[in-house]
Amino acid sequence: MTVSAPDPHDTARILVEALPYMQRYDAATVVVKYGGNAMGDANAARWFAQDVAILKEVGINPVVVHGGGPQIGGMLDRLGIKSEFKAGLRVTDKATVEIVEMILAGSINKQIVASINAEGGRAIGLSGKDGGMVAARKVSRTIIDPETRVEEVVDLGFVGEPERVDRAVLDWVIASDFIPVVAPVATAIDGPQTYNVNADTFAGAIAGAVKAKRLLMLTDVPGVLDRDKKLIQELSVEEARRLIADGTISGGMIPKVETCIYAVERGVEGVVILDGKTPHAVLIELLTPGGAGTLVTR
């Protein structure tokens, strides 16, 4: 089978159409949260790596924050360590947090770095612990006991939320023309203990600290859906809160949208929830008029 070369006129037209968007994001910082489910497909992983390398080449400064929940779960299963979730977060004891750090800051982080480098980028792997980038406090959550209907405090172990972000390391890496790839583990604000941090929350804190022009949250769904299961292309913070309150936004989408609100209120111009398995979703969202998901803005 012979594959014909792309028409040079089509290529030129695409570049001309992309130019205004390249100018819009020129020298801007874009944080991309790369989800554990979105990174599970080999083709999607390559498309993602290509997109990130291209962003840097056209003058945009990408910062990648990645998750790894499925990969962590798989390793814990292989090691015979029982994994428990409460209030939507993984209960992380001392043995589990060591595995979490090994997977997130080790194998997954380096796989993403290698993929971006293979596509011509210059990525460098980091975690929230490097240079004191992210200091976290212990998460406190409550749940309702299904039998007694009494609210009780849940001890999630070594699970944290960002308390402080020092952008110095990120600024240095970006200025050195590298692409930072950051794993969501952090040091406790009051000591050397390691905390596992939800990747969405971590990405929102990073995006807010660097005043990113965009935070892209790559997931395995097309974006926020209305009651008729149709994609909502744009939401204000006020509209997003209303849809959470009336139940339109529910389940696992609630913390993602809450992260969008958090980031926008801390200075991010806009946050997009989009399907990371869509070919070249990042480029489509940033460099084409149509976009690829749900945009949340002030």
Protein backbone atom coordinates (compact mmCIF):
# COMPACT_ATOMS: atom_id res chain seq x y z
CA MET A 1 0.00 0.00 0.00
CA THR A 2 1.40 3.37 -1.04
CA VAL A 3 0.78 6.37 1.22
CA SER A 4 0.88 9.66 -0.66
CA ALA A 5 2.79 12.59 0.77
CA PRO A 6 0.69 15.44 2.20
CA ASP A 7 -0.11 18.20 -0.23
CA PRO A 8 2.31 21.10 0.45
CA HIS A 9 -0.53 23.59 0.00
CA ASP A 10 -2.55 21.85 2.72
CA THR A 11 0.47 21.90 5.01
CA ALA A 12 1.00 25.61 4.38
CA ARG A 13 -2.68 26.36 5.00
CA ILE A 14 -2.63 24.49 8.32
CA LEU A 15 0.45 26.42 9.47
CA VAL A 16 -1.11 29.75 8.48
CA GLU A 17 -4.31 28.90 10.36
CA ALA A 18 -2.29 27.90 13.44
CA LEU A 19 -0.18 31.09 13.44
CA PRO A 20 -2.62 33.30 15.43
CA TYR A 21 -2.78 30.66 18.15
CA MET A 22 1.00 30.31 18.24
CA GLN A 23 1.18 34.08 18.70
CA ARG A 24 -1.47 33.98 21.44
CA TYR A 25 0.57 31.50 23.48
CA ASP A 26 4.05 32.75 22.53
CA ALA A 27 6.33 32.55 25.62
CA ALA A 28 3.30 31.59 27.76
CA THR A 29 3.37 28.73 30.25
CA VAL A 30 0.89 25.88 29.71
CA VAL A 31 0.55 23.19 32.37
CA VAL A 32 -0.59 19.81 31.07
CA LYS A 33 -1.89 17.23 33.52
CA TYR A 34 -1.32 13.82 31.93
CA GLY A 35 -3.64 11.26 33.51
CA GLY A 36 -2.94 7.66 34.39
CA ASN A 37 -5.74 6.38 32.14
CA ALA A 38 -4.82 8.67 29.23
CA MET A 39 -1.21 7.45 29.34
CA GLY A 40 -2.15 3.77 29.12
CA ASP A 41 -2.36 3.67 25.31
CA ALA A 42 0.90 3.49 23.33
CA ASN A 43 -0.38 5.58 20.41
CA ALA A 44 -1.84 8.21 22.72
CA ALA A 45 1.46 8.36 24.62
CA ARG A 46 3.36 9.07 21.41
CA TRP A 47 0.85 11.71 20.27
CA PHE A 48 1.18 13.37 23.65
CA ALA A 49 4.98 13.37 23.52
CA GLN A 50 4.93 14.83 19.99
CA ASP A 51 2.49 17.56 21.04
CA VAL A 52 4.61 18.60 24.02
CA ALA A 53 7.81 18.70 21.94
CA ILE A 54 6.08 20.80 19.26
CA LEU A 55 4.75 23.29 21.85
CA LYS A 56 8.28 23.96 23.03
CA GLU A 57 9.55 24.32 19.46
CA VAL A 58 6.95 27.01 18.62
CA GLY A 59 7.79 29.11 21.69
CA ILE A 60 5.27 27.83 24.25
CA ASN A 61 6.53 26.63 27.65
CA PRO A 62 4.84 23.33 28.59
CA VAL A 63 5.00 21.99 32.14
CA VAL A 64 3.85 18.37 32.43
CA VAL A 65 2.32 17.04 35.65
CA HIS A 66 1.45 13.35 35.52
CA GLY A 67 -0.60 10.89 37.50
CA GLY A 68 -0.30 7.13 37.61
CA GLY A 69 -3.17 5.65 39.60
CA PRO A 70 -3.67 2.53 37.42
CA GLN A 71 0.08 1.84 37.36
CA ILE A 72 0.32 2.23 41.14
CA GLY A 73 -2.64 -0.09 41.61
CA GLY A 74 -1.07 -2.69 39.34
CA MET A 75 2.22 -2.66 41.24
CA LEU A 76 0.50 -2.88 44.64
CA ASP A 77 -1.47 -5.89 43.38
CA ARG A 78 1.71 -7.59 42.18
CA LEU A 79 3.32 -7.02 45.56
CA GLY A 80 0.26 -8.25 47.43
CA ILE A 81 -0.37 -4.89 49.12
CA LYS A 82 -4.08 -4.23 49.59
CA SER A 83 -5.19 -0.87 48.22
CA GLU A 84 -8.12 0.91 49.87
CA PHE A 85 -9.94 4.08 48.84
CA LYS A 86 -11.88 6.42 51.11
CA ALA A 87 -13.50 9.72 50.17
CA GLY A 88 -12.20 9.16 46.63
CA LEU A 89 -8.53 9.04 47.66
CA ARG A 90 -6.11 6.15 48.08
CA VAL A 91 -5.35 5.35 51.72
CA THR A 92 -1.57 5.52 51.81
CA ASP A 93 0.32 3.87 54.67
CA LYS A 94 4.11 3.93 55.02
CA ALA A 95 4.64 0.85 52.82
CA THR A 96 2.28 2.20 50.16
CA VAL A 97 3.80 5.69 49.99
CA GLU A 98 7.20 4.13 49.23
CA ILE A 99 5.67 2.26 46.27
CA VAL A 100 3.79 5.38 45.16
CA GLU A 101 6.98 7.42 45.09
CA MET A 102 8.88 4.65 43.31
CA ILE A 103 6.26 4.42 40.55
CA LEU A 104 5.44 8.11 40.15
CA ALA A 105 8.87 9.72 40.55
CA GLY A 106 10.66 6.69 39.12
CA SER A 107 9.35 4.51 36.31
CA ILE A 108 6.40 6.60 35.06
CA ASN A 109 8.26 9.90 35.22
CA LYS A 110 11.23 8.54 33.30
CA GLN A 111 9.03 6.87 30.69
CA ILE A 112 7.37 10.21 29.93
CA VAL A 113 10.73 12.00 29.84
CA ALA A 114 12.13 9.39 27.45
CA SER A 115 9.05 9.62 25.19
CA ILE A 116 9.28 13.40 24.88
CA ASN A 117 13.03 13.23 24.24
CA ALA A 118 12.48 10.58 21.55
CA GLU A 119 10.23 13.05 19.72
CA GLY A 120 12.87 15.78 19.73
CA GLY A 121 12.05 17.51 22.99
CA ARG A 122 14.40 18.10 25.93
CA ALA A 123 12.52 16.92 29.01
CA ILE A 124 13.79 16.64 32.56
CA GLY A 125 12.11 14.62 35.31
CA LEU A 126 11.27 16.17 38.67
CA SER A 127 9.00 15.65 41.64
CA GLY A 128 7.44 18.11 44.05
CA LYS A 129 10.26 17.30 46.47
CA ASP A 130 13.01 18.66 44.20
CA GLY A 131 14.25 22.05 45.32
CA GLY A 132 11.39 22.23 47.81
CA MET A 133 9.01 22.84 44.91
CA VAL A 134 5.83 21.70 46.70
CA ALA A 135 5.26 21.48 50.45
CA ALA A 136 2.10 19.66 51.50
CA ARG A 137 -0.07 19.30 54.55
CA LYS A 138 -1.87 16.14 55.60
CA VAL A 139 -5.30 15.74 53.99
CA SER A 140 -8.32 15.71 56.27
CA ARG A 141 -11.54 14.18 54.94
CA THR A 142 -14.88 13.15 56.44
CA ILE A 143 -17.38 10.53 55.26
CA ILE A 144 -20.88 9.51 56.33
CA ASP A 145 -21.08 6.03 57.84
CA PRO A 146 -23.68 4.20 55.69
CA GLU A 147 -25.13 2.37 58.70
CA THR A 148 -25.12 4.98 61.46
CA ARG A 149 -25.33 8.05 59.15
CA VAL A 150 -22.80 9.68 61.46
CA GLU A 151 -20.05 11.83 59.95
CA GLU A 152 -16.60 10.54 60.82
CA VAL A 153 -13.05 11.72 60.12
CA VAL A 154 -11.06 9.47 57.76
CA ASP A 155 -7.34 8.95 58.26
CA LEU A 156 -5.86 8.65 54.76
CA GLY A 157 -2.31 8.18 56.00
CA PHE A 158 0.42 9.87 53.97
CA VAL A 159 -1.90 11.74 51.60
CA GLY A 160 -1.31 15.46 51.28
CA GLU A 161 -2.58 18.64 49.68
CA PRO A 162 -0.29 21.41 48.39
CA GLU A 163 0.21 24.10 51.00
CA ARG A 164 3.03 26.04 49.34
CA VAL A 165 4.58 26.05 45.86
CA ASP A 166 8.05 27.48 45.20
CA ARG A 167 8.33 28.08 41.46
CA ALA A 168 12.09 28.73 41.45
CA VAL A 169 13.06 25.29 40.10
CA LEU A 170 10.39 25.39 37.40
CA ASP A 171 11.44 28.89 36.34
CA TRP A 172 15.06 27.76 36.07
CA VAL A 173 14.21 24.64 34.05
CA ILE A 174 11.96 26.57 31.65
CA ALA A 175 14.53 29.33 31.20
CA SER A 176 17.14 26.64 30.44
CA ASP A 177 14.98 25.50 27.51
CA PHE A 178 14.00 22.19 29.10
CA ILE A 179 10.52 20.75 29.54
CA PRO A 180 9.78 19.93 33.21
CA VAL A 181 7.92 16.67 33.85
CA VAL A 182 6.75 16.65 37.47
CA ALA A 183 5.56 13.73 39.63
CA PRO A 184 2.92 14.60 42.27
CA VAL A 185 4.77 13.69 45.45
CA ALA A 186 5.73 16.33 47.97
CA THR A 187 7.50 16.87 51.27
CA ALA A 188 5.48 17.64 54.40
CA ILE A 189 5.46 21.33 55.24
CA ASP A 190 6.62 20.54 58.78
CA GLY A 191 9.20 17.81 58.16
CA PRO A 192 10.86 15.33 55.79
CA GLN A 193 7.86 13.01 55.42
CA THR A 194 6.75 12.24 51.85
CA TYR A 195 3.13 12.80 50.87
CA ASN A 196 1.19 11.32 47.98
CA VAL A 197 -0.77 14.16 46.31
CA ASN A 198 -3.72 13.80 43.95
CA ALA A 199 -2.34 14.65 40.49
CA ASP A 200 -5.26 16.92 39.54
CA THR A 201 -4.87 18.94 42.75
CA PHE A 202 -1.09 19.05 42.30
CA ALA A 203 -1.42 20.31 38.71
CA GLY A 204 -3.88 22.99 39.78
CA ALA A 205 -1.47 24.24 42.45
CA ILE A 206 1.45 24.31 39.99
CA ALA A 207 -0.62 26.11 37.35
CA GLY A 208 -1.75 28.70 39.87
CA ALA A 209 1.78 29.30 41.15
CA VAL A 210 3.24 29.89 37.67
CA LYS A 211 0.14 31.85 36.53
CA ALA A 212 -0.25 29.53 33.54
CA LYS A 213 -2.19 30.77 30.55
CA ARG A 214 -3.81 27.34 30.31
CA LEU A 215 -4.09 24.22 32.40
CA LEU A 216 -5.01 21.22 30.26
CA MET A 217 -6.36 18.23 32.18
CA LEU A 218 -6.09 15.13 29.99
CA THR A 219 -8.54 12.43 31.06
CA ASP A 220 -10.39 9.51 29.46
CA VAL A 221 -13.62 11.48 28.85
CA PRO A 222 -14.32 14.24 26.28
CA GLY A 223 -15.02 16.89 28.92
CA VAL A 224 -17.95 18.01 31.07
CA LEU A 225 -21.30 16.68 29.84
CA ASP A 226 -24.78 18.16 30.33
CA ARG A 227 -27.82 16.16 31.44
CA ASP A 228 -28.30 14.97 27.86
CA LYS A 229 -24.70 13.68 27.79
CA LYS A 230 -23.65 16.36 25.33
CA LEU A 231 -20.31 18.13 25.65
CA ILE A 232 -20.35 21.55 27.31
CA GLN A 233 -17.74 23.57 25.45
CA GLU A 234 -17.35 26.44 27.92
CA LEU A 235 -18.25 27.15 31.54
CA SER A 236 -17.71 30.08 33.88
CA VAL A 237 -16.71 29.37 37.47
CA GLU A 238 -20.21 30.41 38.57
CA GLU A 239 -21.86 28.07 36.06
CA ALA A 240 -19.57 25.21 37.09
CA ARG A 241 -20.52 25.63 40.73
CA ARG A 242 -24.21 25.64 39.80
CA LEU A 243 -23.89 22.41 37.80
CA ILE A 244 -22.16 20.73 40.75
CA ALA A 245 -24.91 21.90 43.08
CA ASP A 246 -27.76 20.63 40.87
CA GLY A 247 -26.09 17.27 40.24
CA THR A 248 -25.33 17.72 36.54
CA ILE A 249 -21.65 17.41 37.38
CA SER A 250 -21.28 14.35 39.58
CA GLY A 251 -18.99 11.52 40.65
CA GLY A 252 -15.35 11.67 39.62
CA MET A 253 -15.92 14.80 37.53
CA ILE A 254 -16.60 16.89 40.66
CA PRO A 255 -12.96 16.99 41.93
CA LYS A 256 -11.72 17.71 38.39
CA VAL A 257 -14.05 20.69 38.02
CA GLU A 258 -13.19 21.85 41.55
CA THR A 259 -9.54 21.81 40.48
CA CYS A 260 -10.50 23.96 37.47
CA ILE A 261 -12.19 26.47 39.78
CA TYR A 262 -9.23 26.44 42.17
CA ALA A 263 -6.73 27.13 39.37
CA VAL A 264 -8.80 29.90 37.74
CA GLU A 265 -9.24 31.65 41.08
CA ARG A 266 -5.45 31.60 41.51
CA GLY A 267 -4.73 33.37 38.24
CA VAL A 268 -4.85 30.70 35.52
CA GLU A 269 -6.56 32.22 32.48
CA GLY A 270 -8.46 29.05 31.58
CA VAL A 271 -8.60 25.34 32.38
CA VAL A 272 -9.63 22.69 29.85
CA ILE A 273 -10.83 19.15 30.59
CA LEU A 274 -10.33 17.01 27.48
CA ASP A 275 -9.87 13.43 26.29
CA GLY A 276 -6.19 12.53 26.27
CA LYS A 277 -6.80 9.58 23.94
CA THR A 278 -7.89 11.87 21.11
CA PRO A 279 -5.02 12.05 18.59
CA HIS A 280 -3.01 15.24 19.21
CA ALA A 281 -5.57 16.56 21.69
CA VAL A 282 -3.13 19.13 23.09
CA LEU A 283 -2.38 20.68 19.69
CA ILE A 284 -6.06 20.65 18.71
CA GLU A 285 -7.00 22.48 21.90
CA LEU A 286 -4.29 25.12 21.77
CA LEU A 287 -3.62 25.70 18.07
CA THR A 288 -7.00 25.27 16.33
CA PRO A 289 -10.22 27.30 16.52
CA GLY A 290 -12.45 24.40 17.56
CA GLY A 291 -10.74 23.26 20.72
CA ALA A 292 -11.10 19.75 22.11
CA GLY A 293 -12.90 19.79 25.46
CA THR A 294 -14.60 21.92 28.13
CA LEU A 295 -13.02 25.29 28.90
CA VAL A 296 -13.53 26.71 32.41
CA THR A 297 -12.82 30.42 32.81
CA ARG A 298 -13.61 33.19 35.25
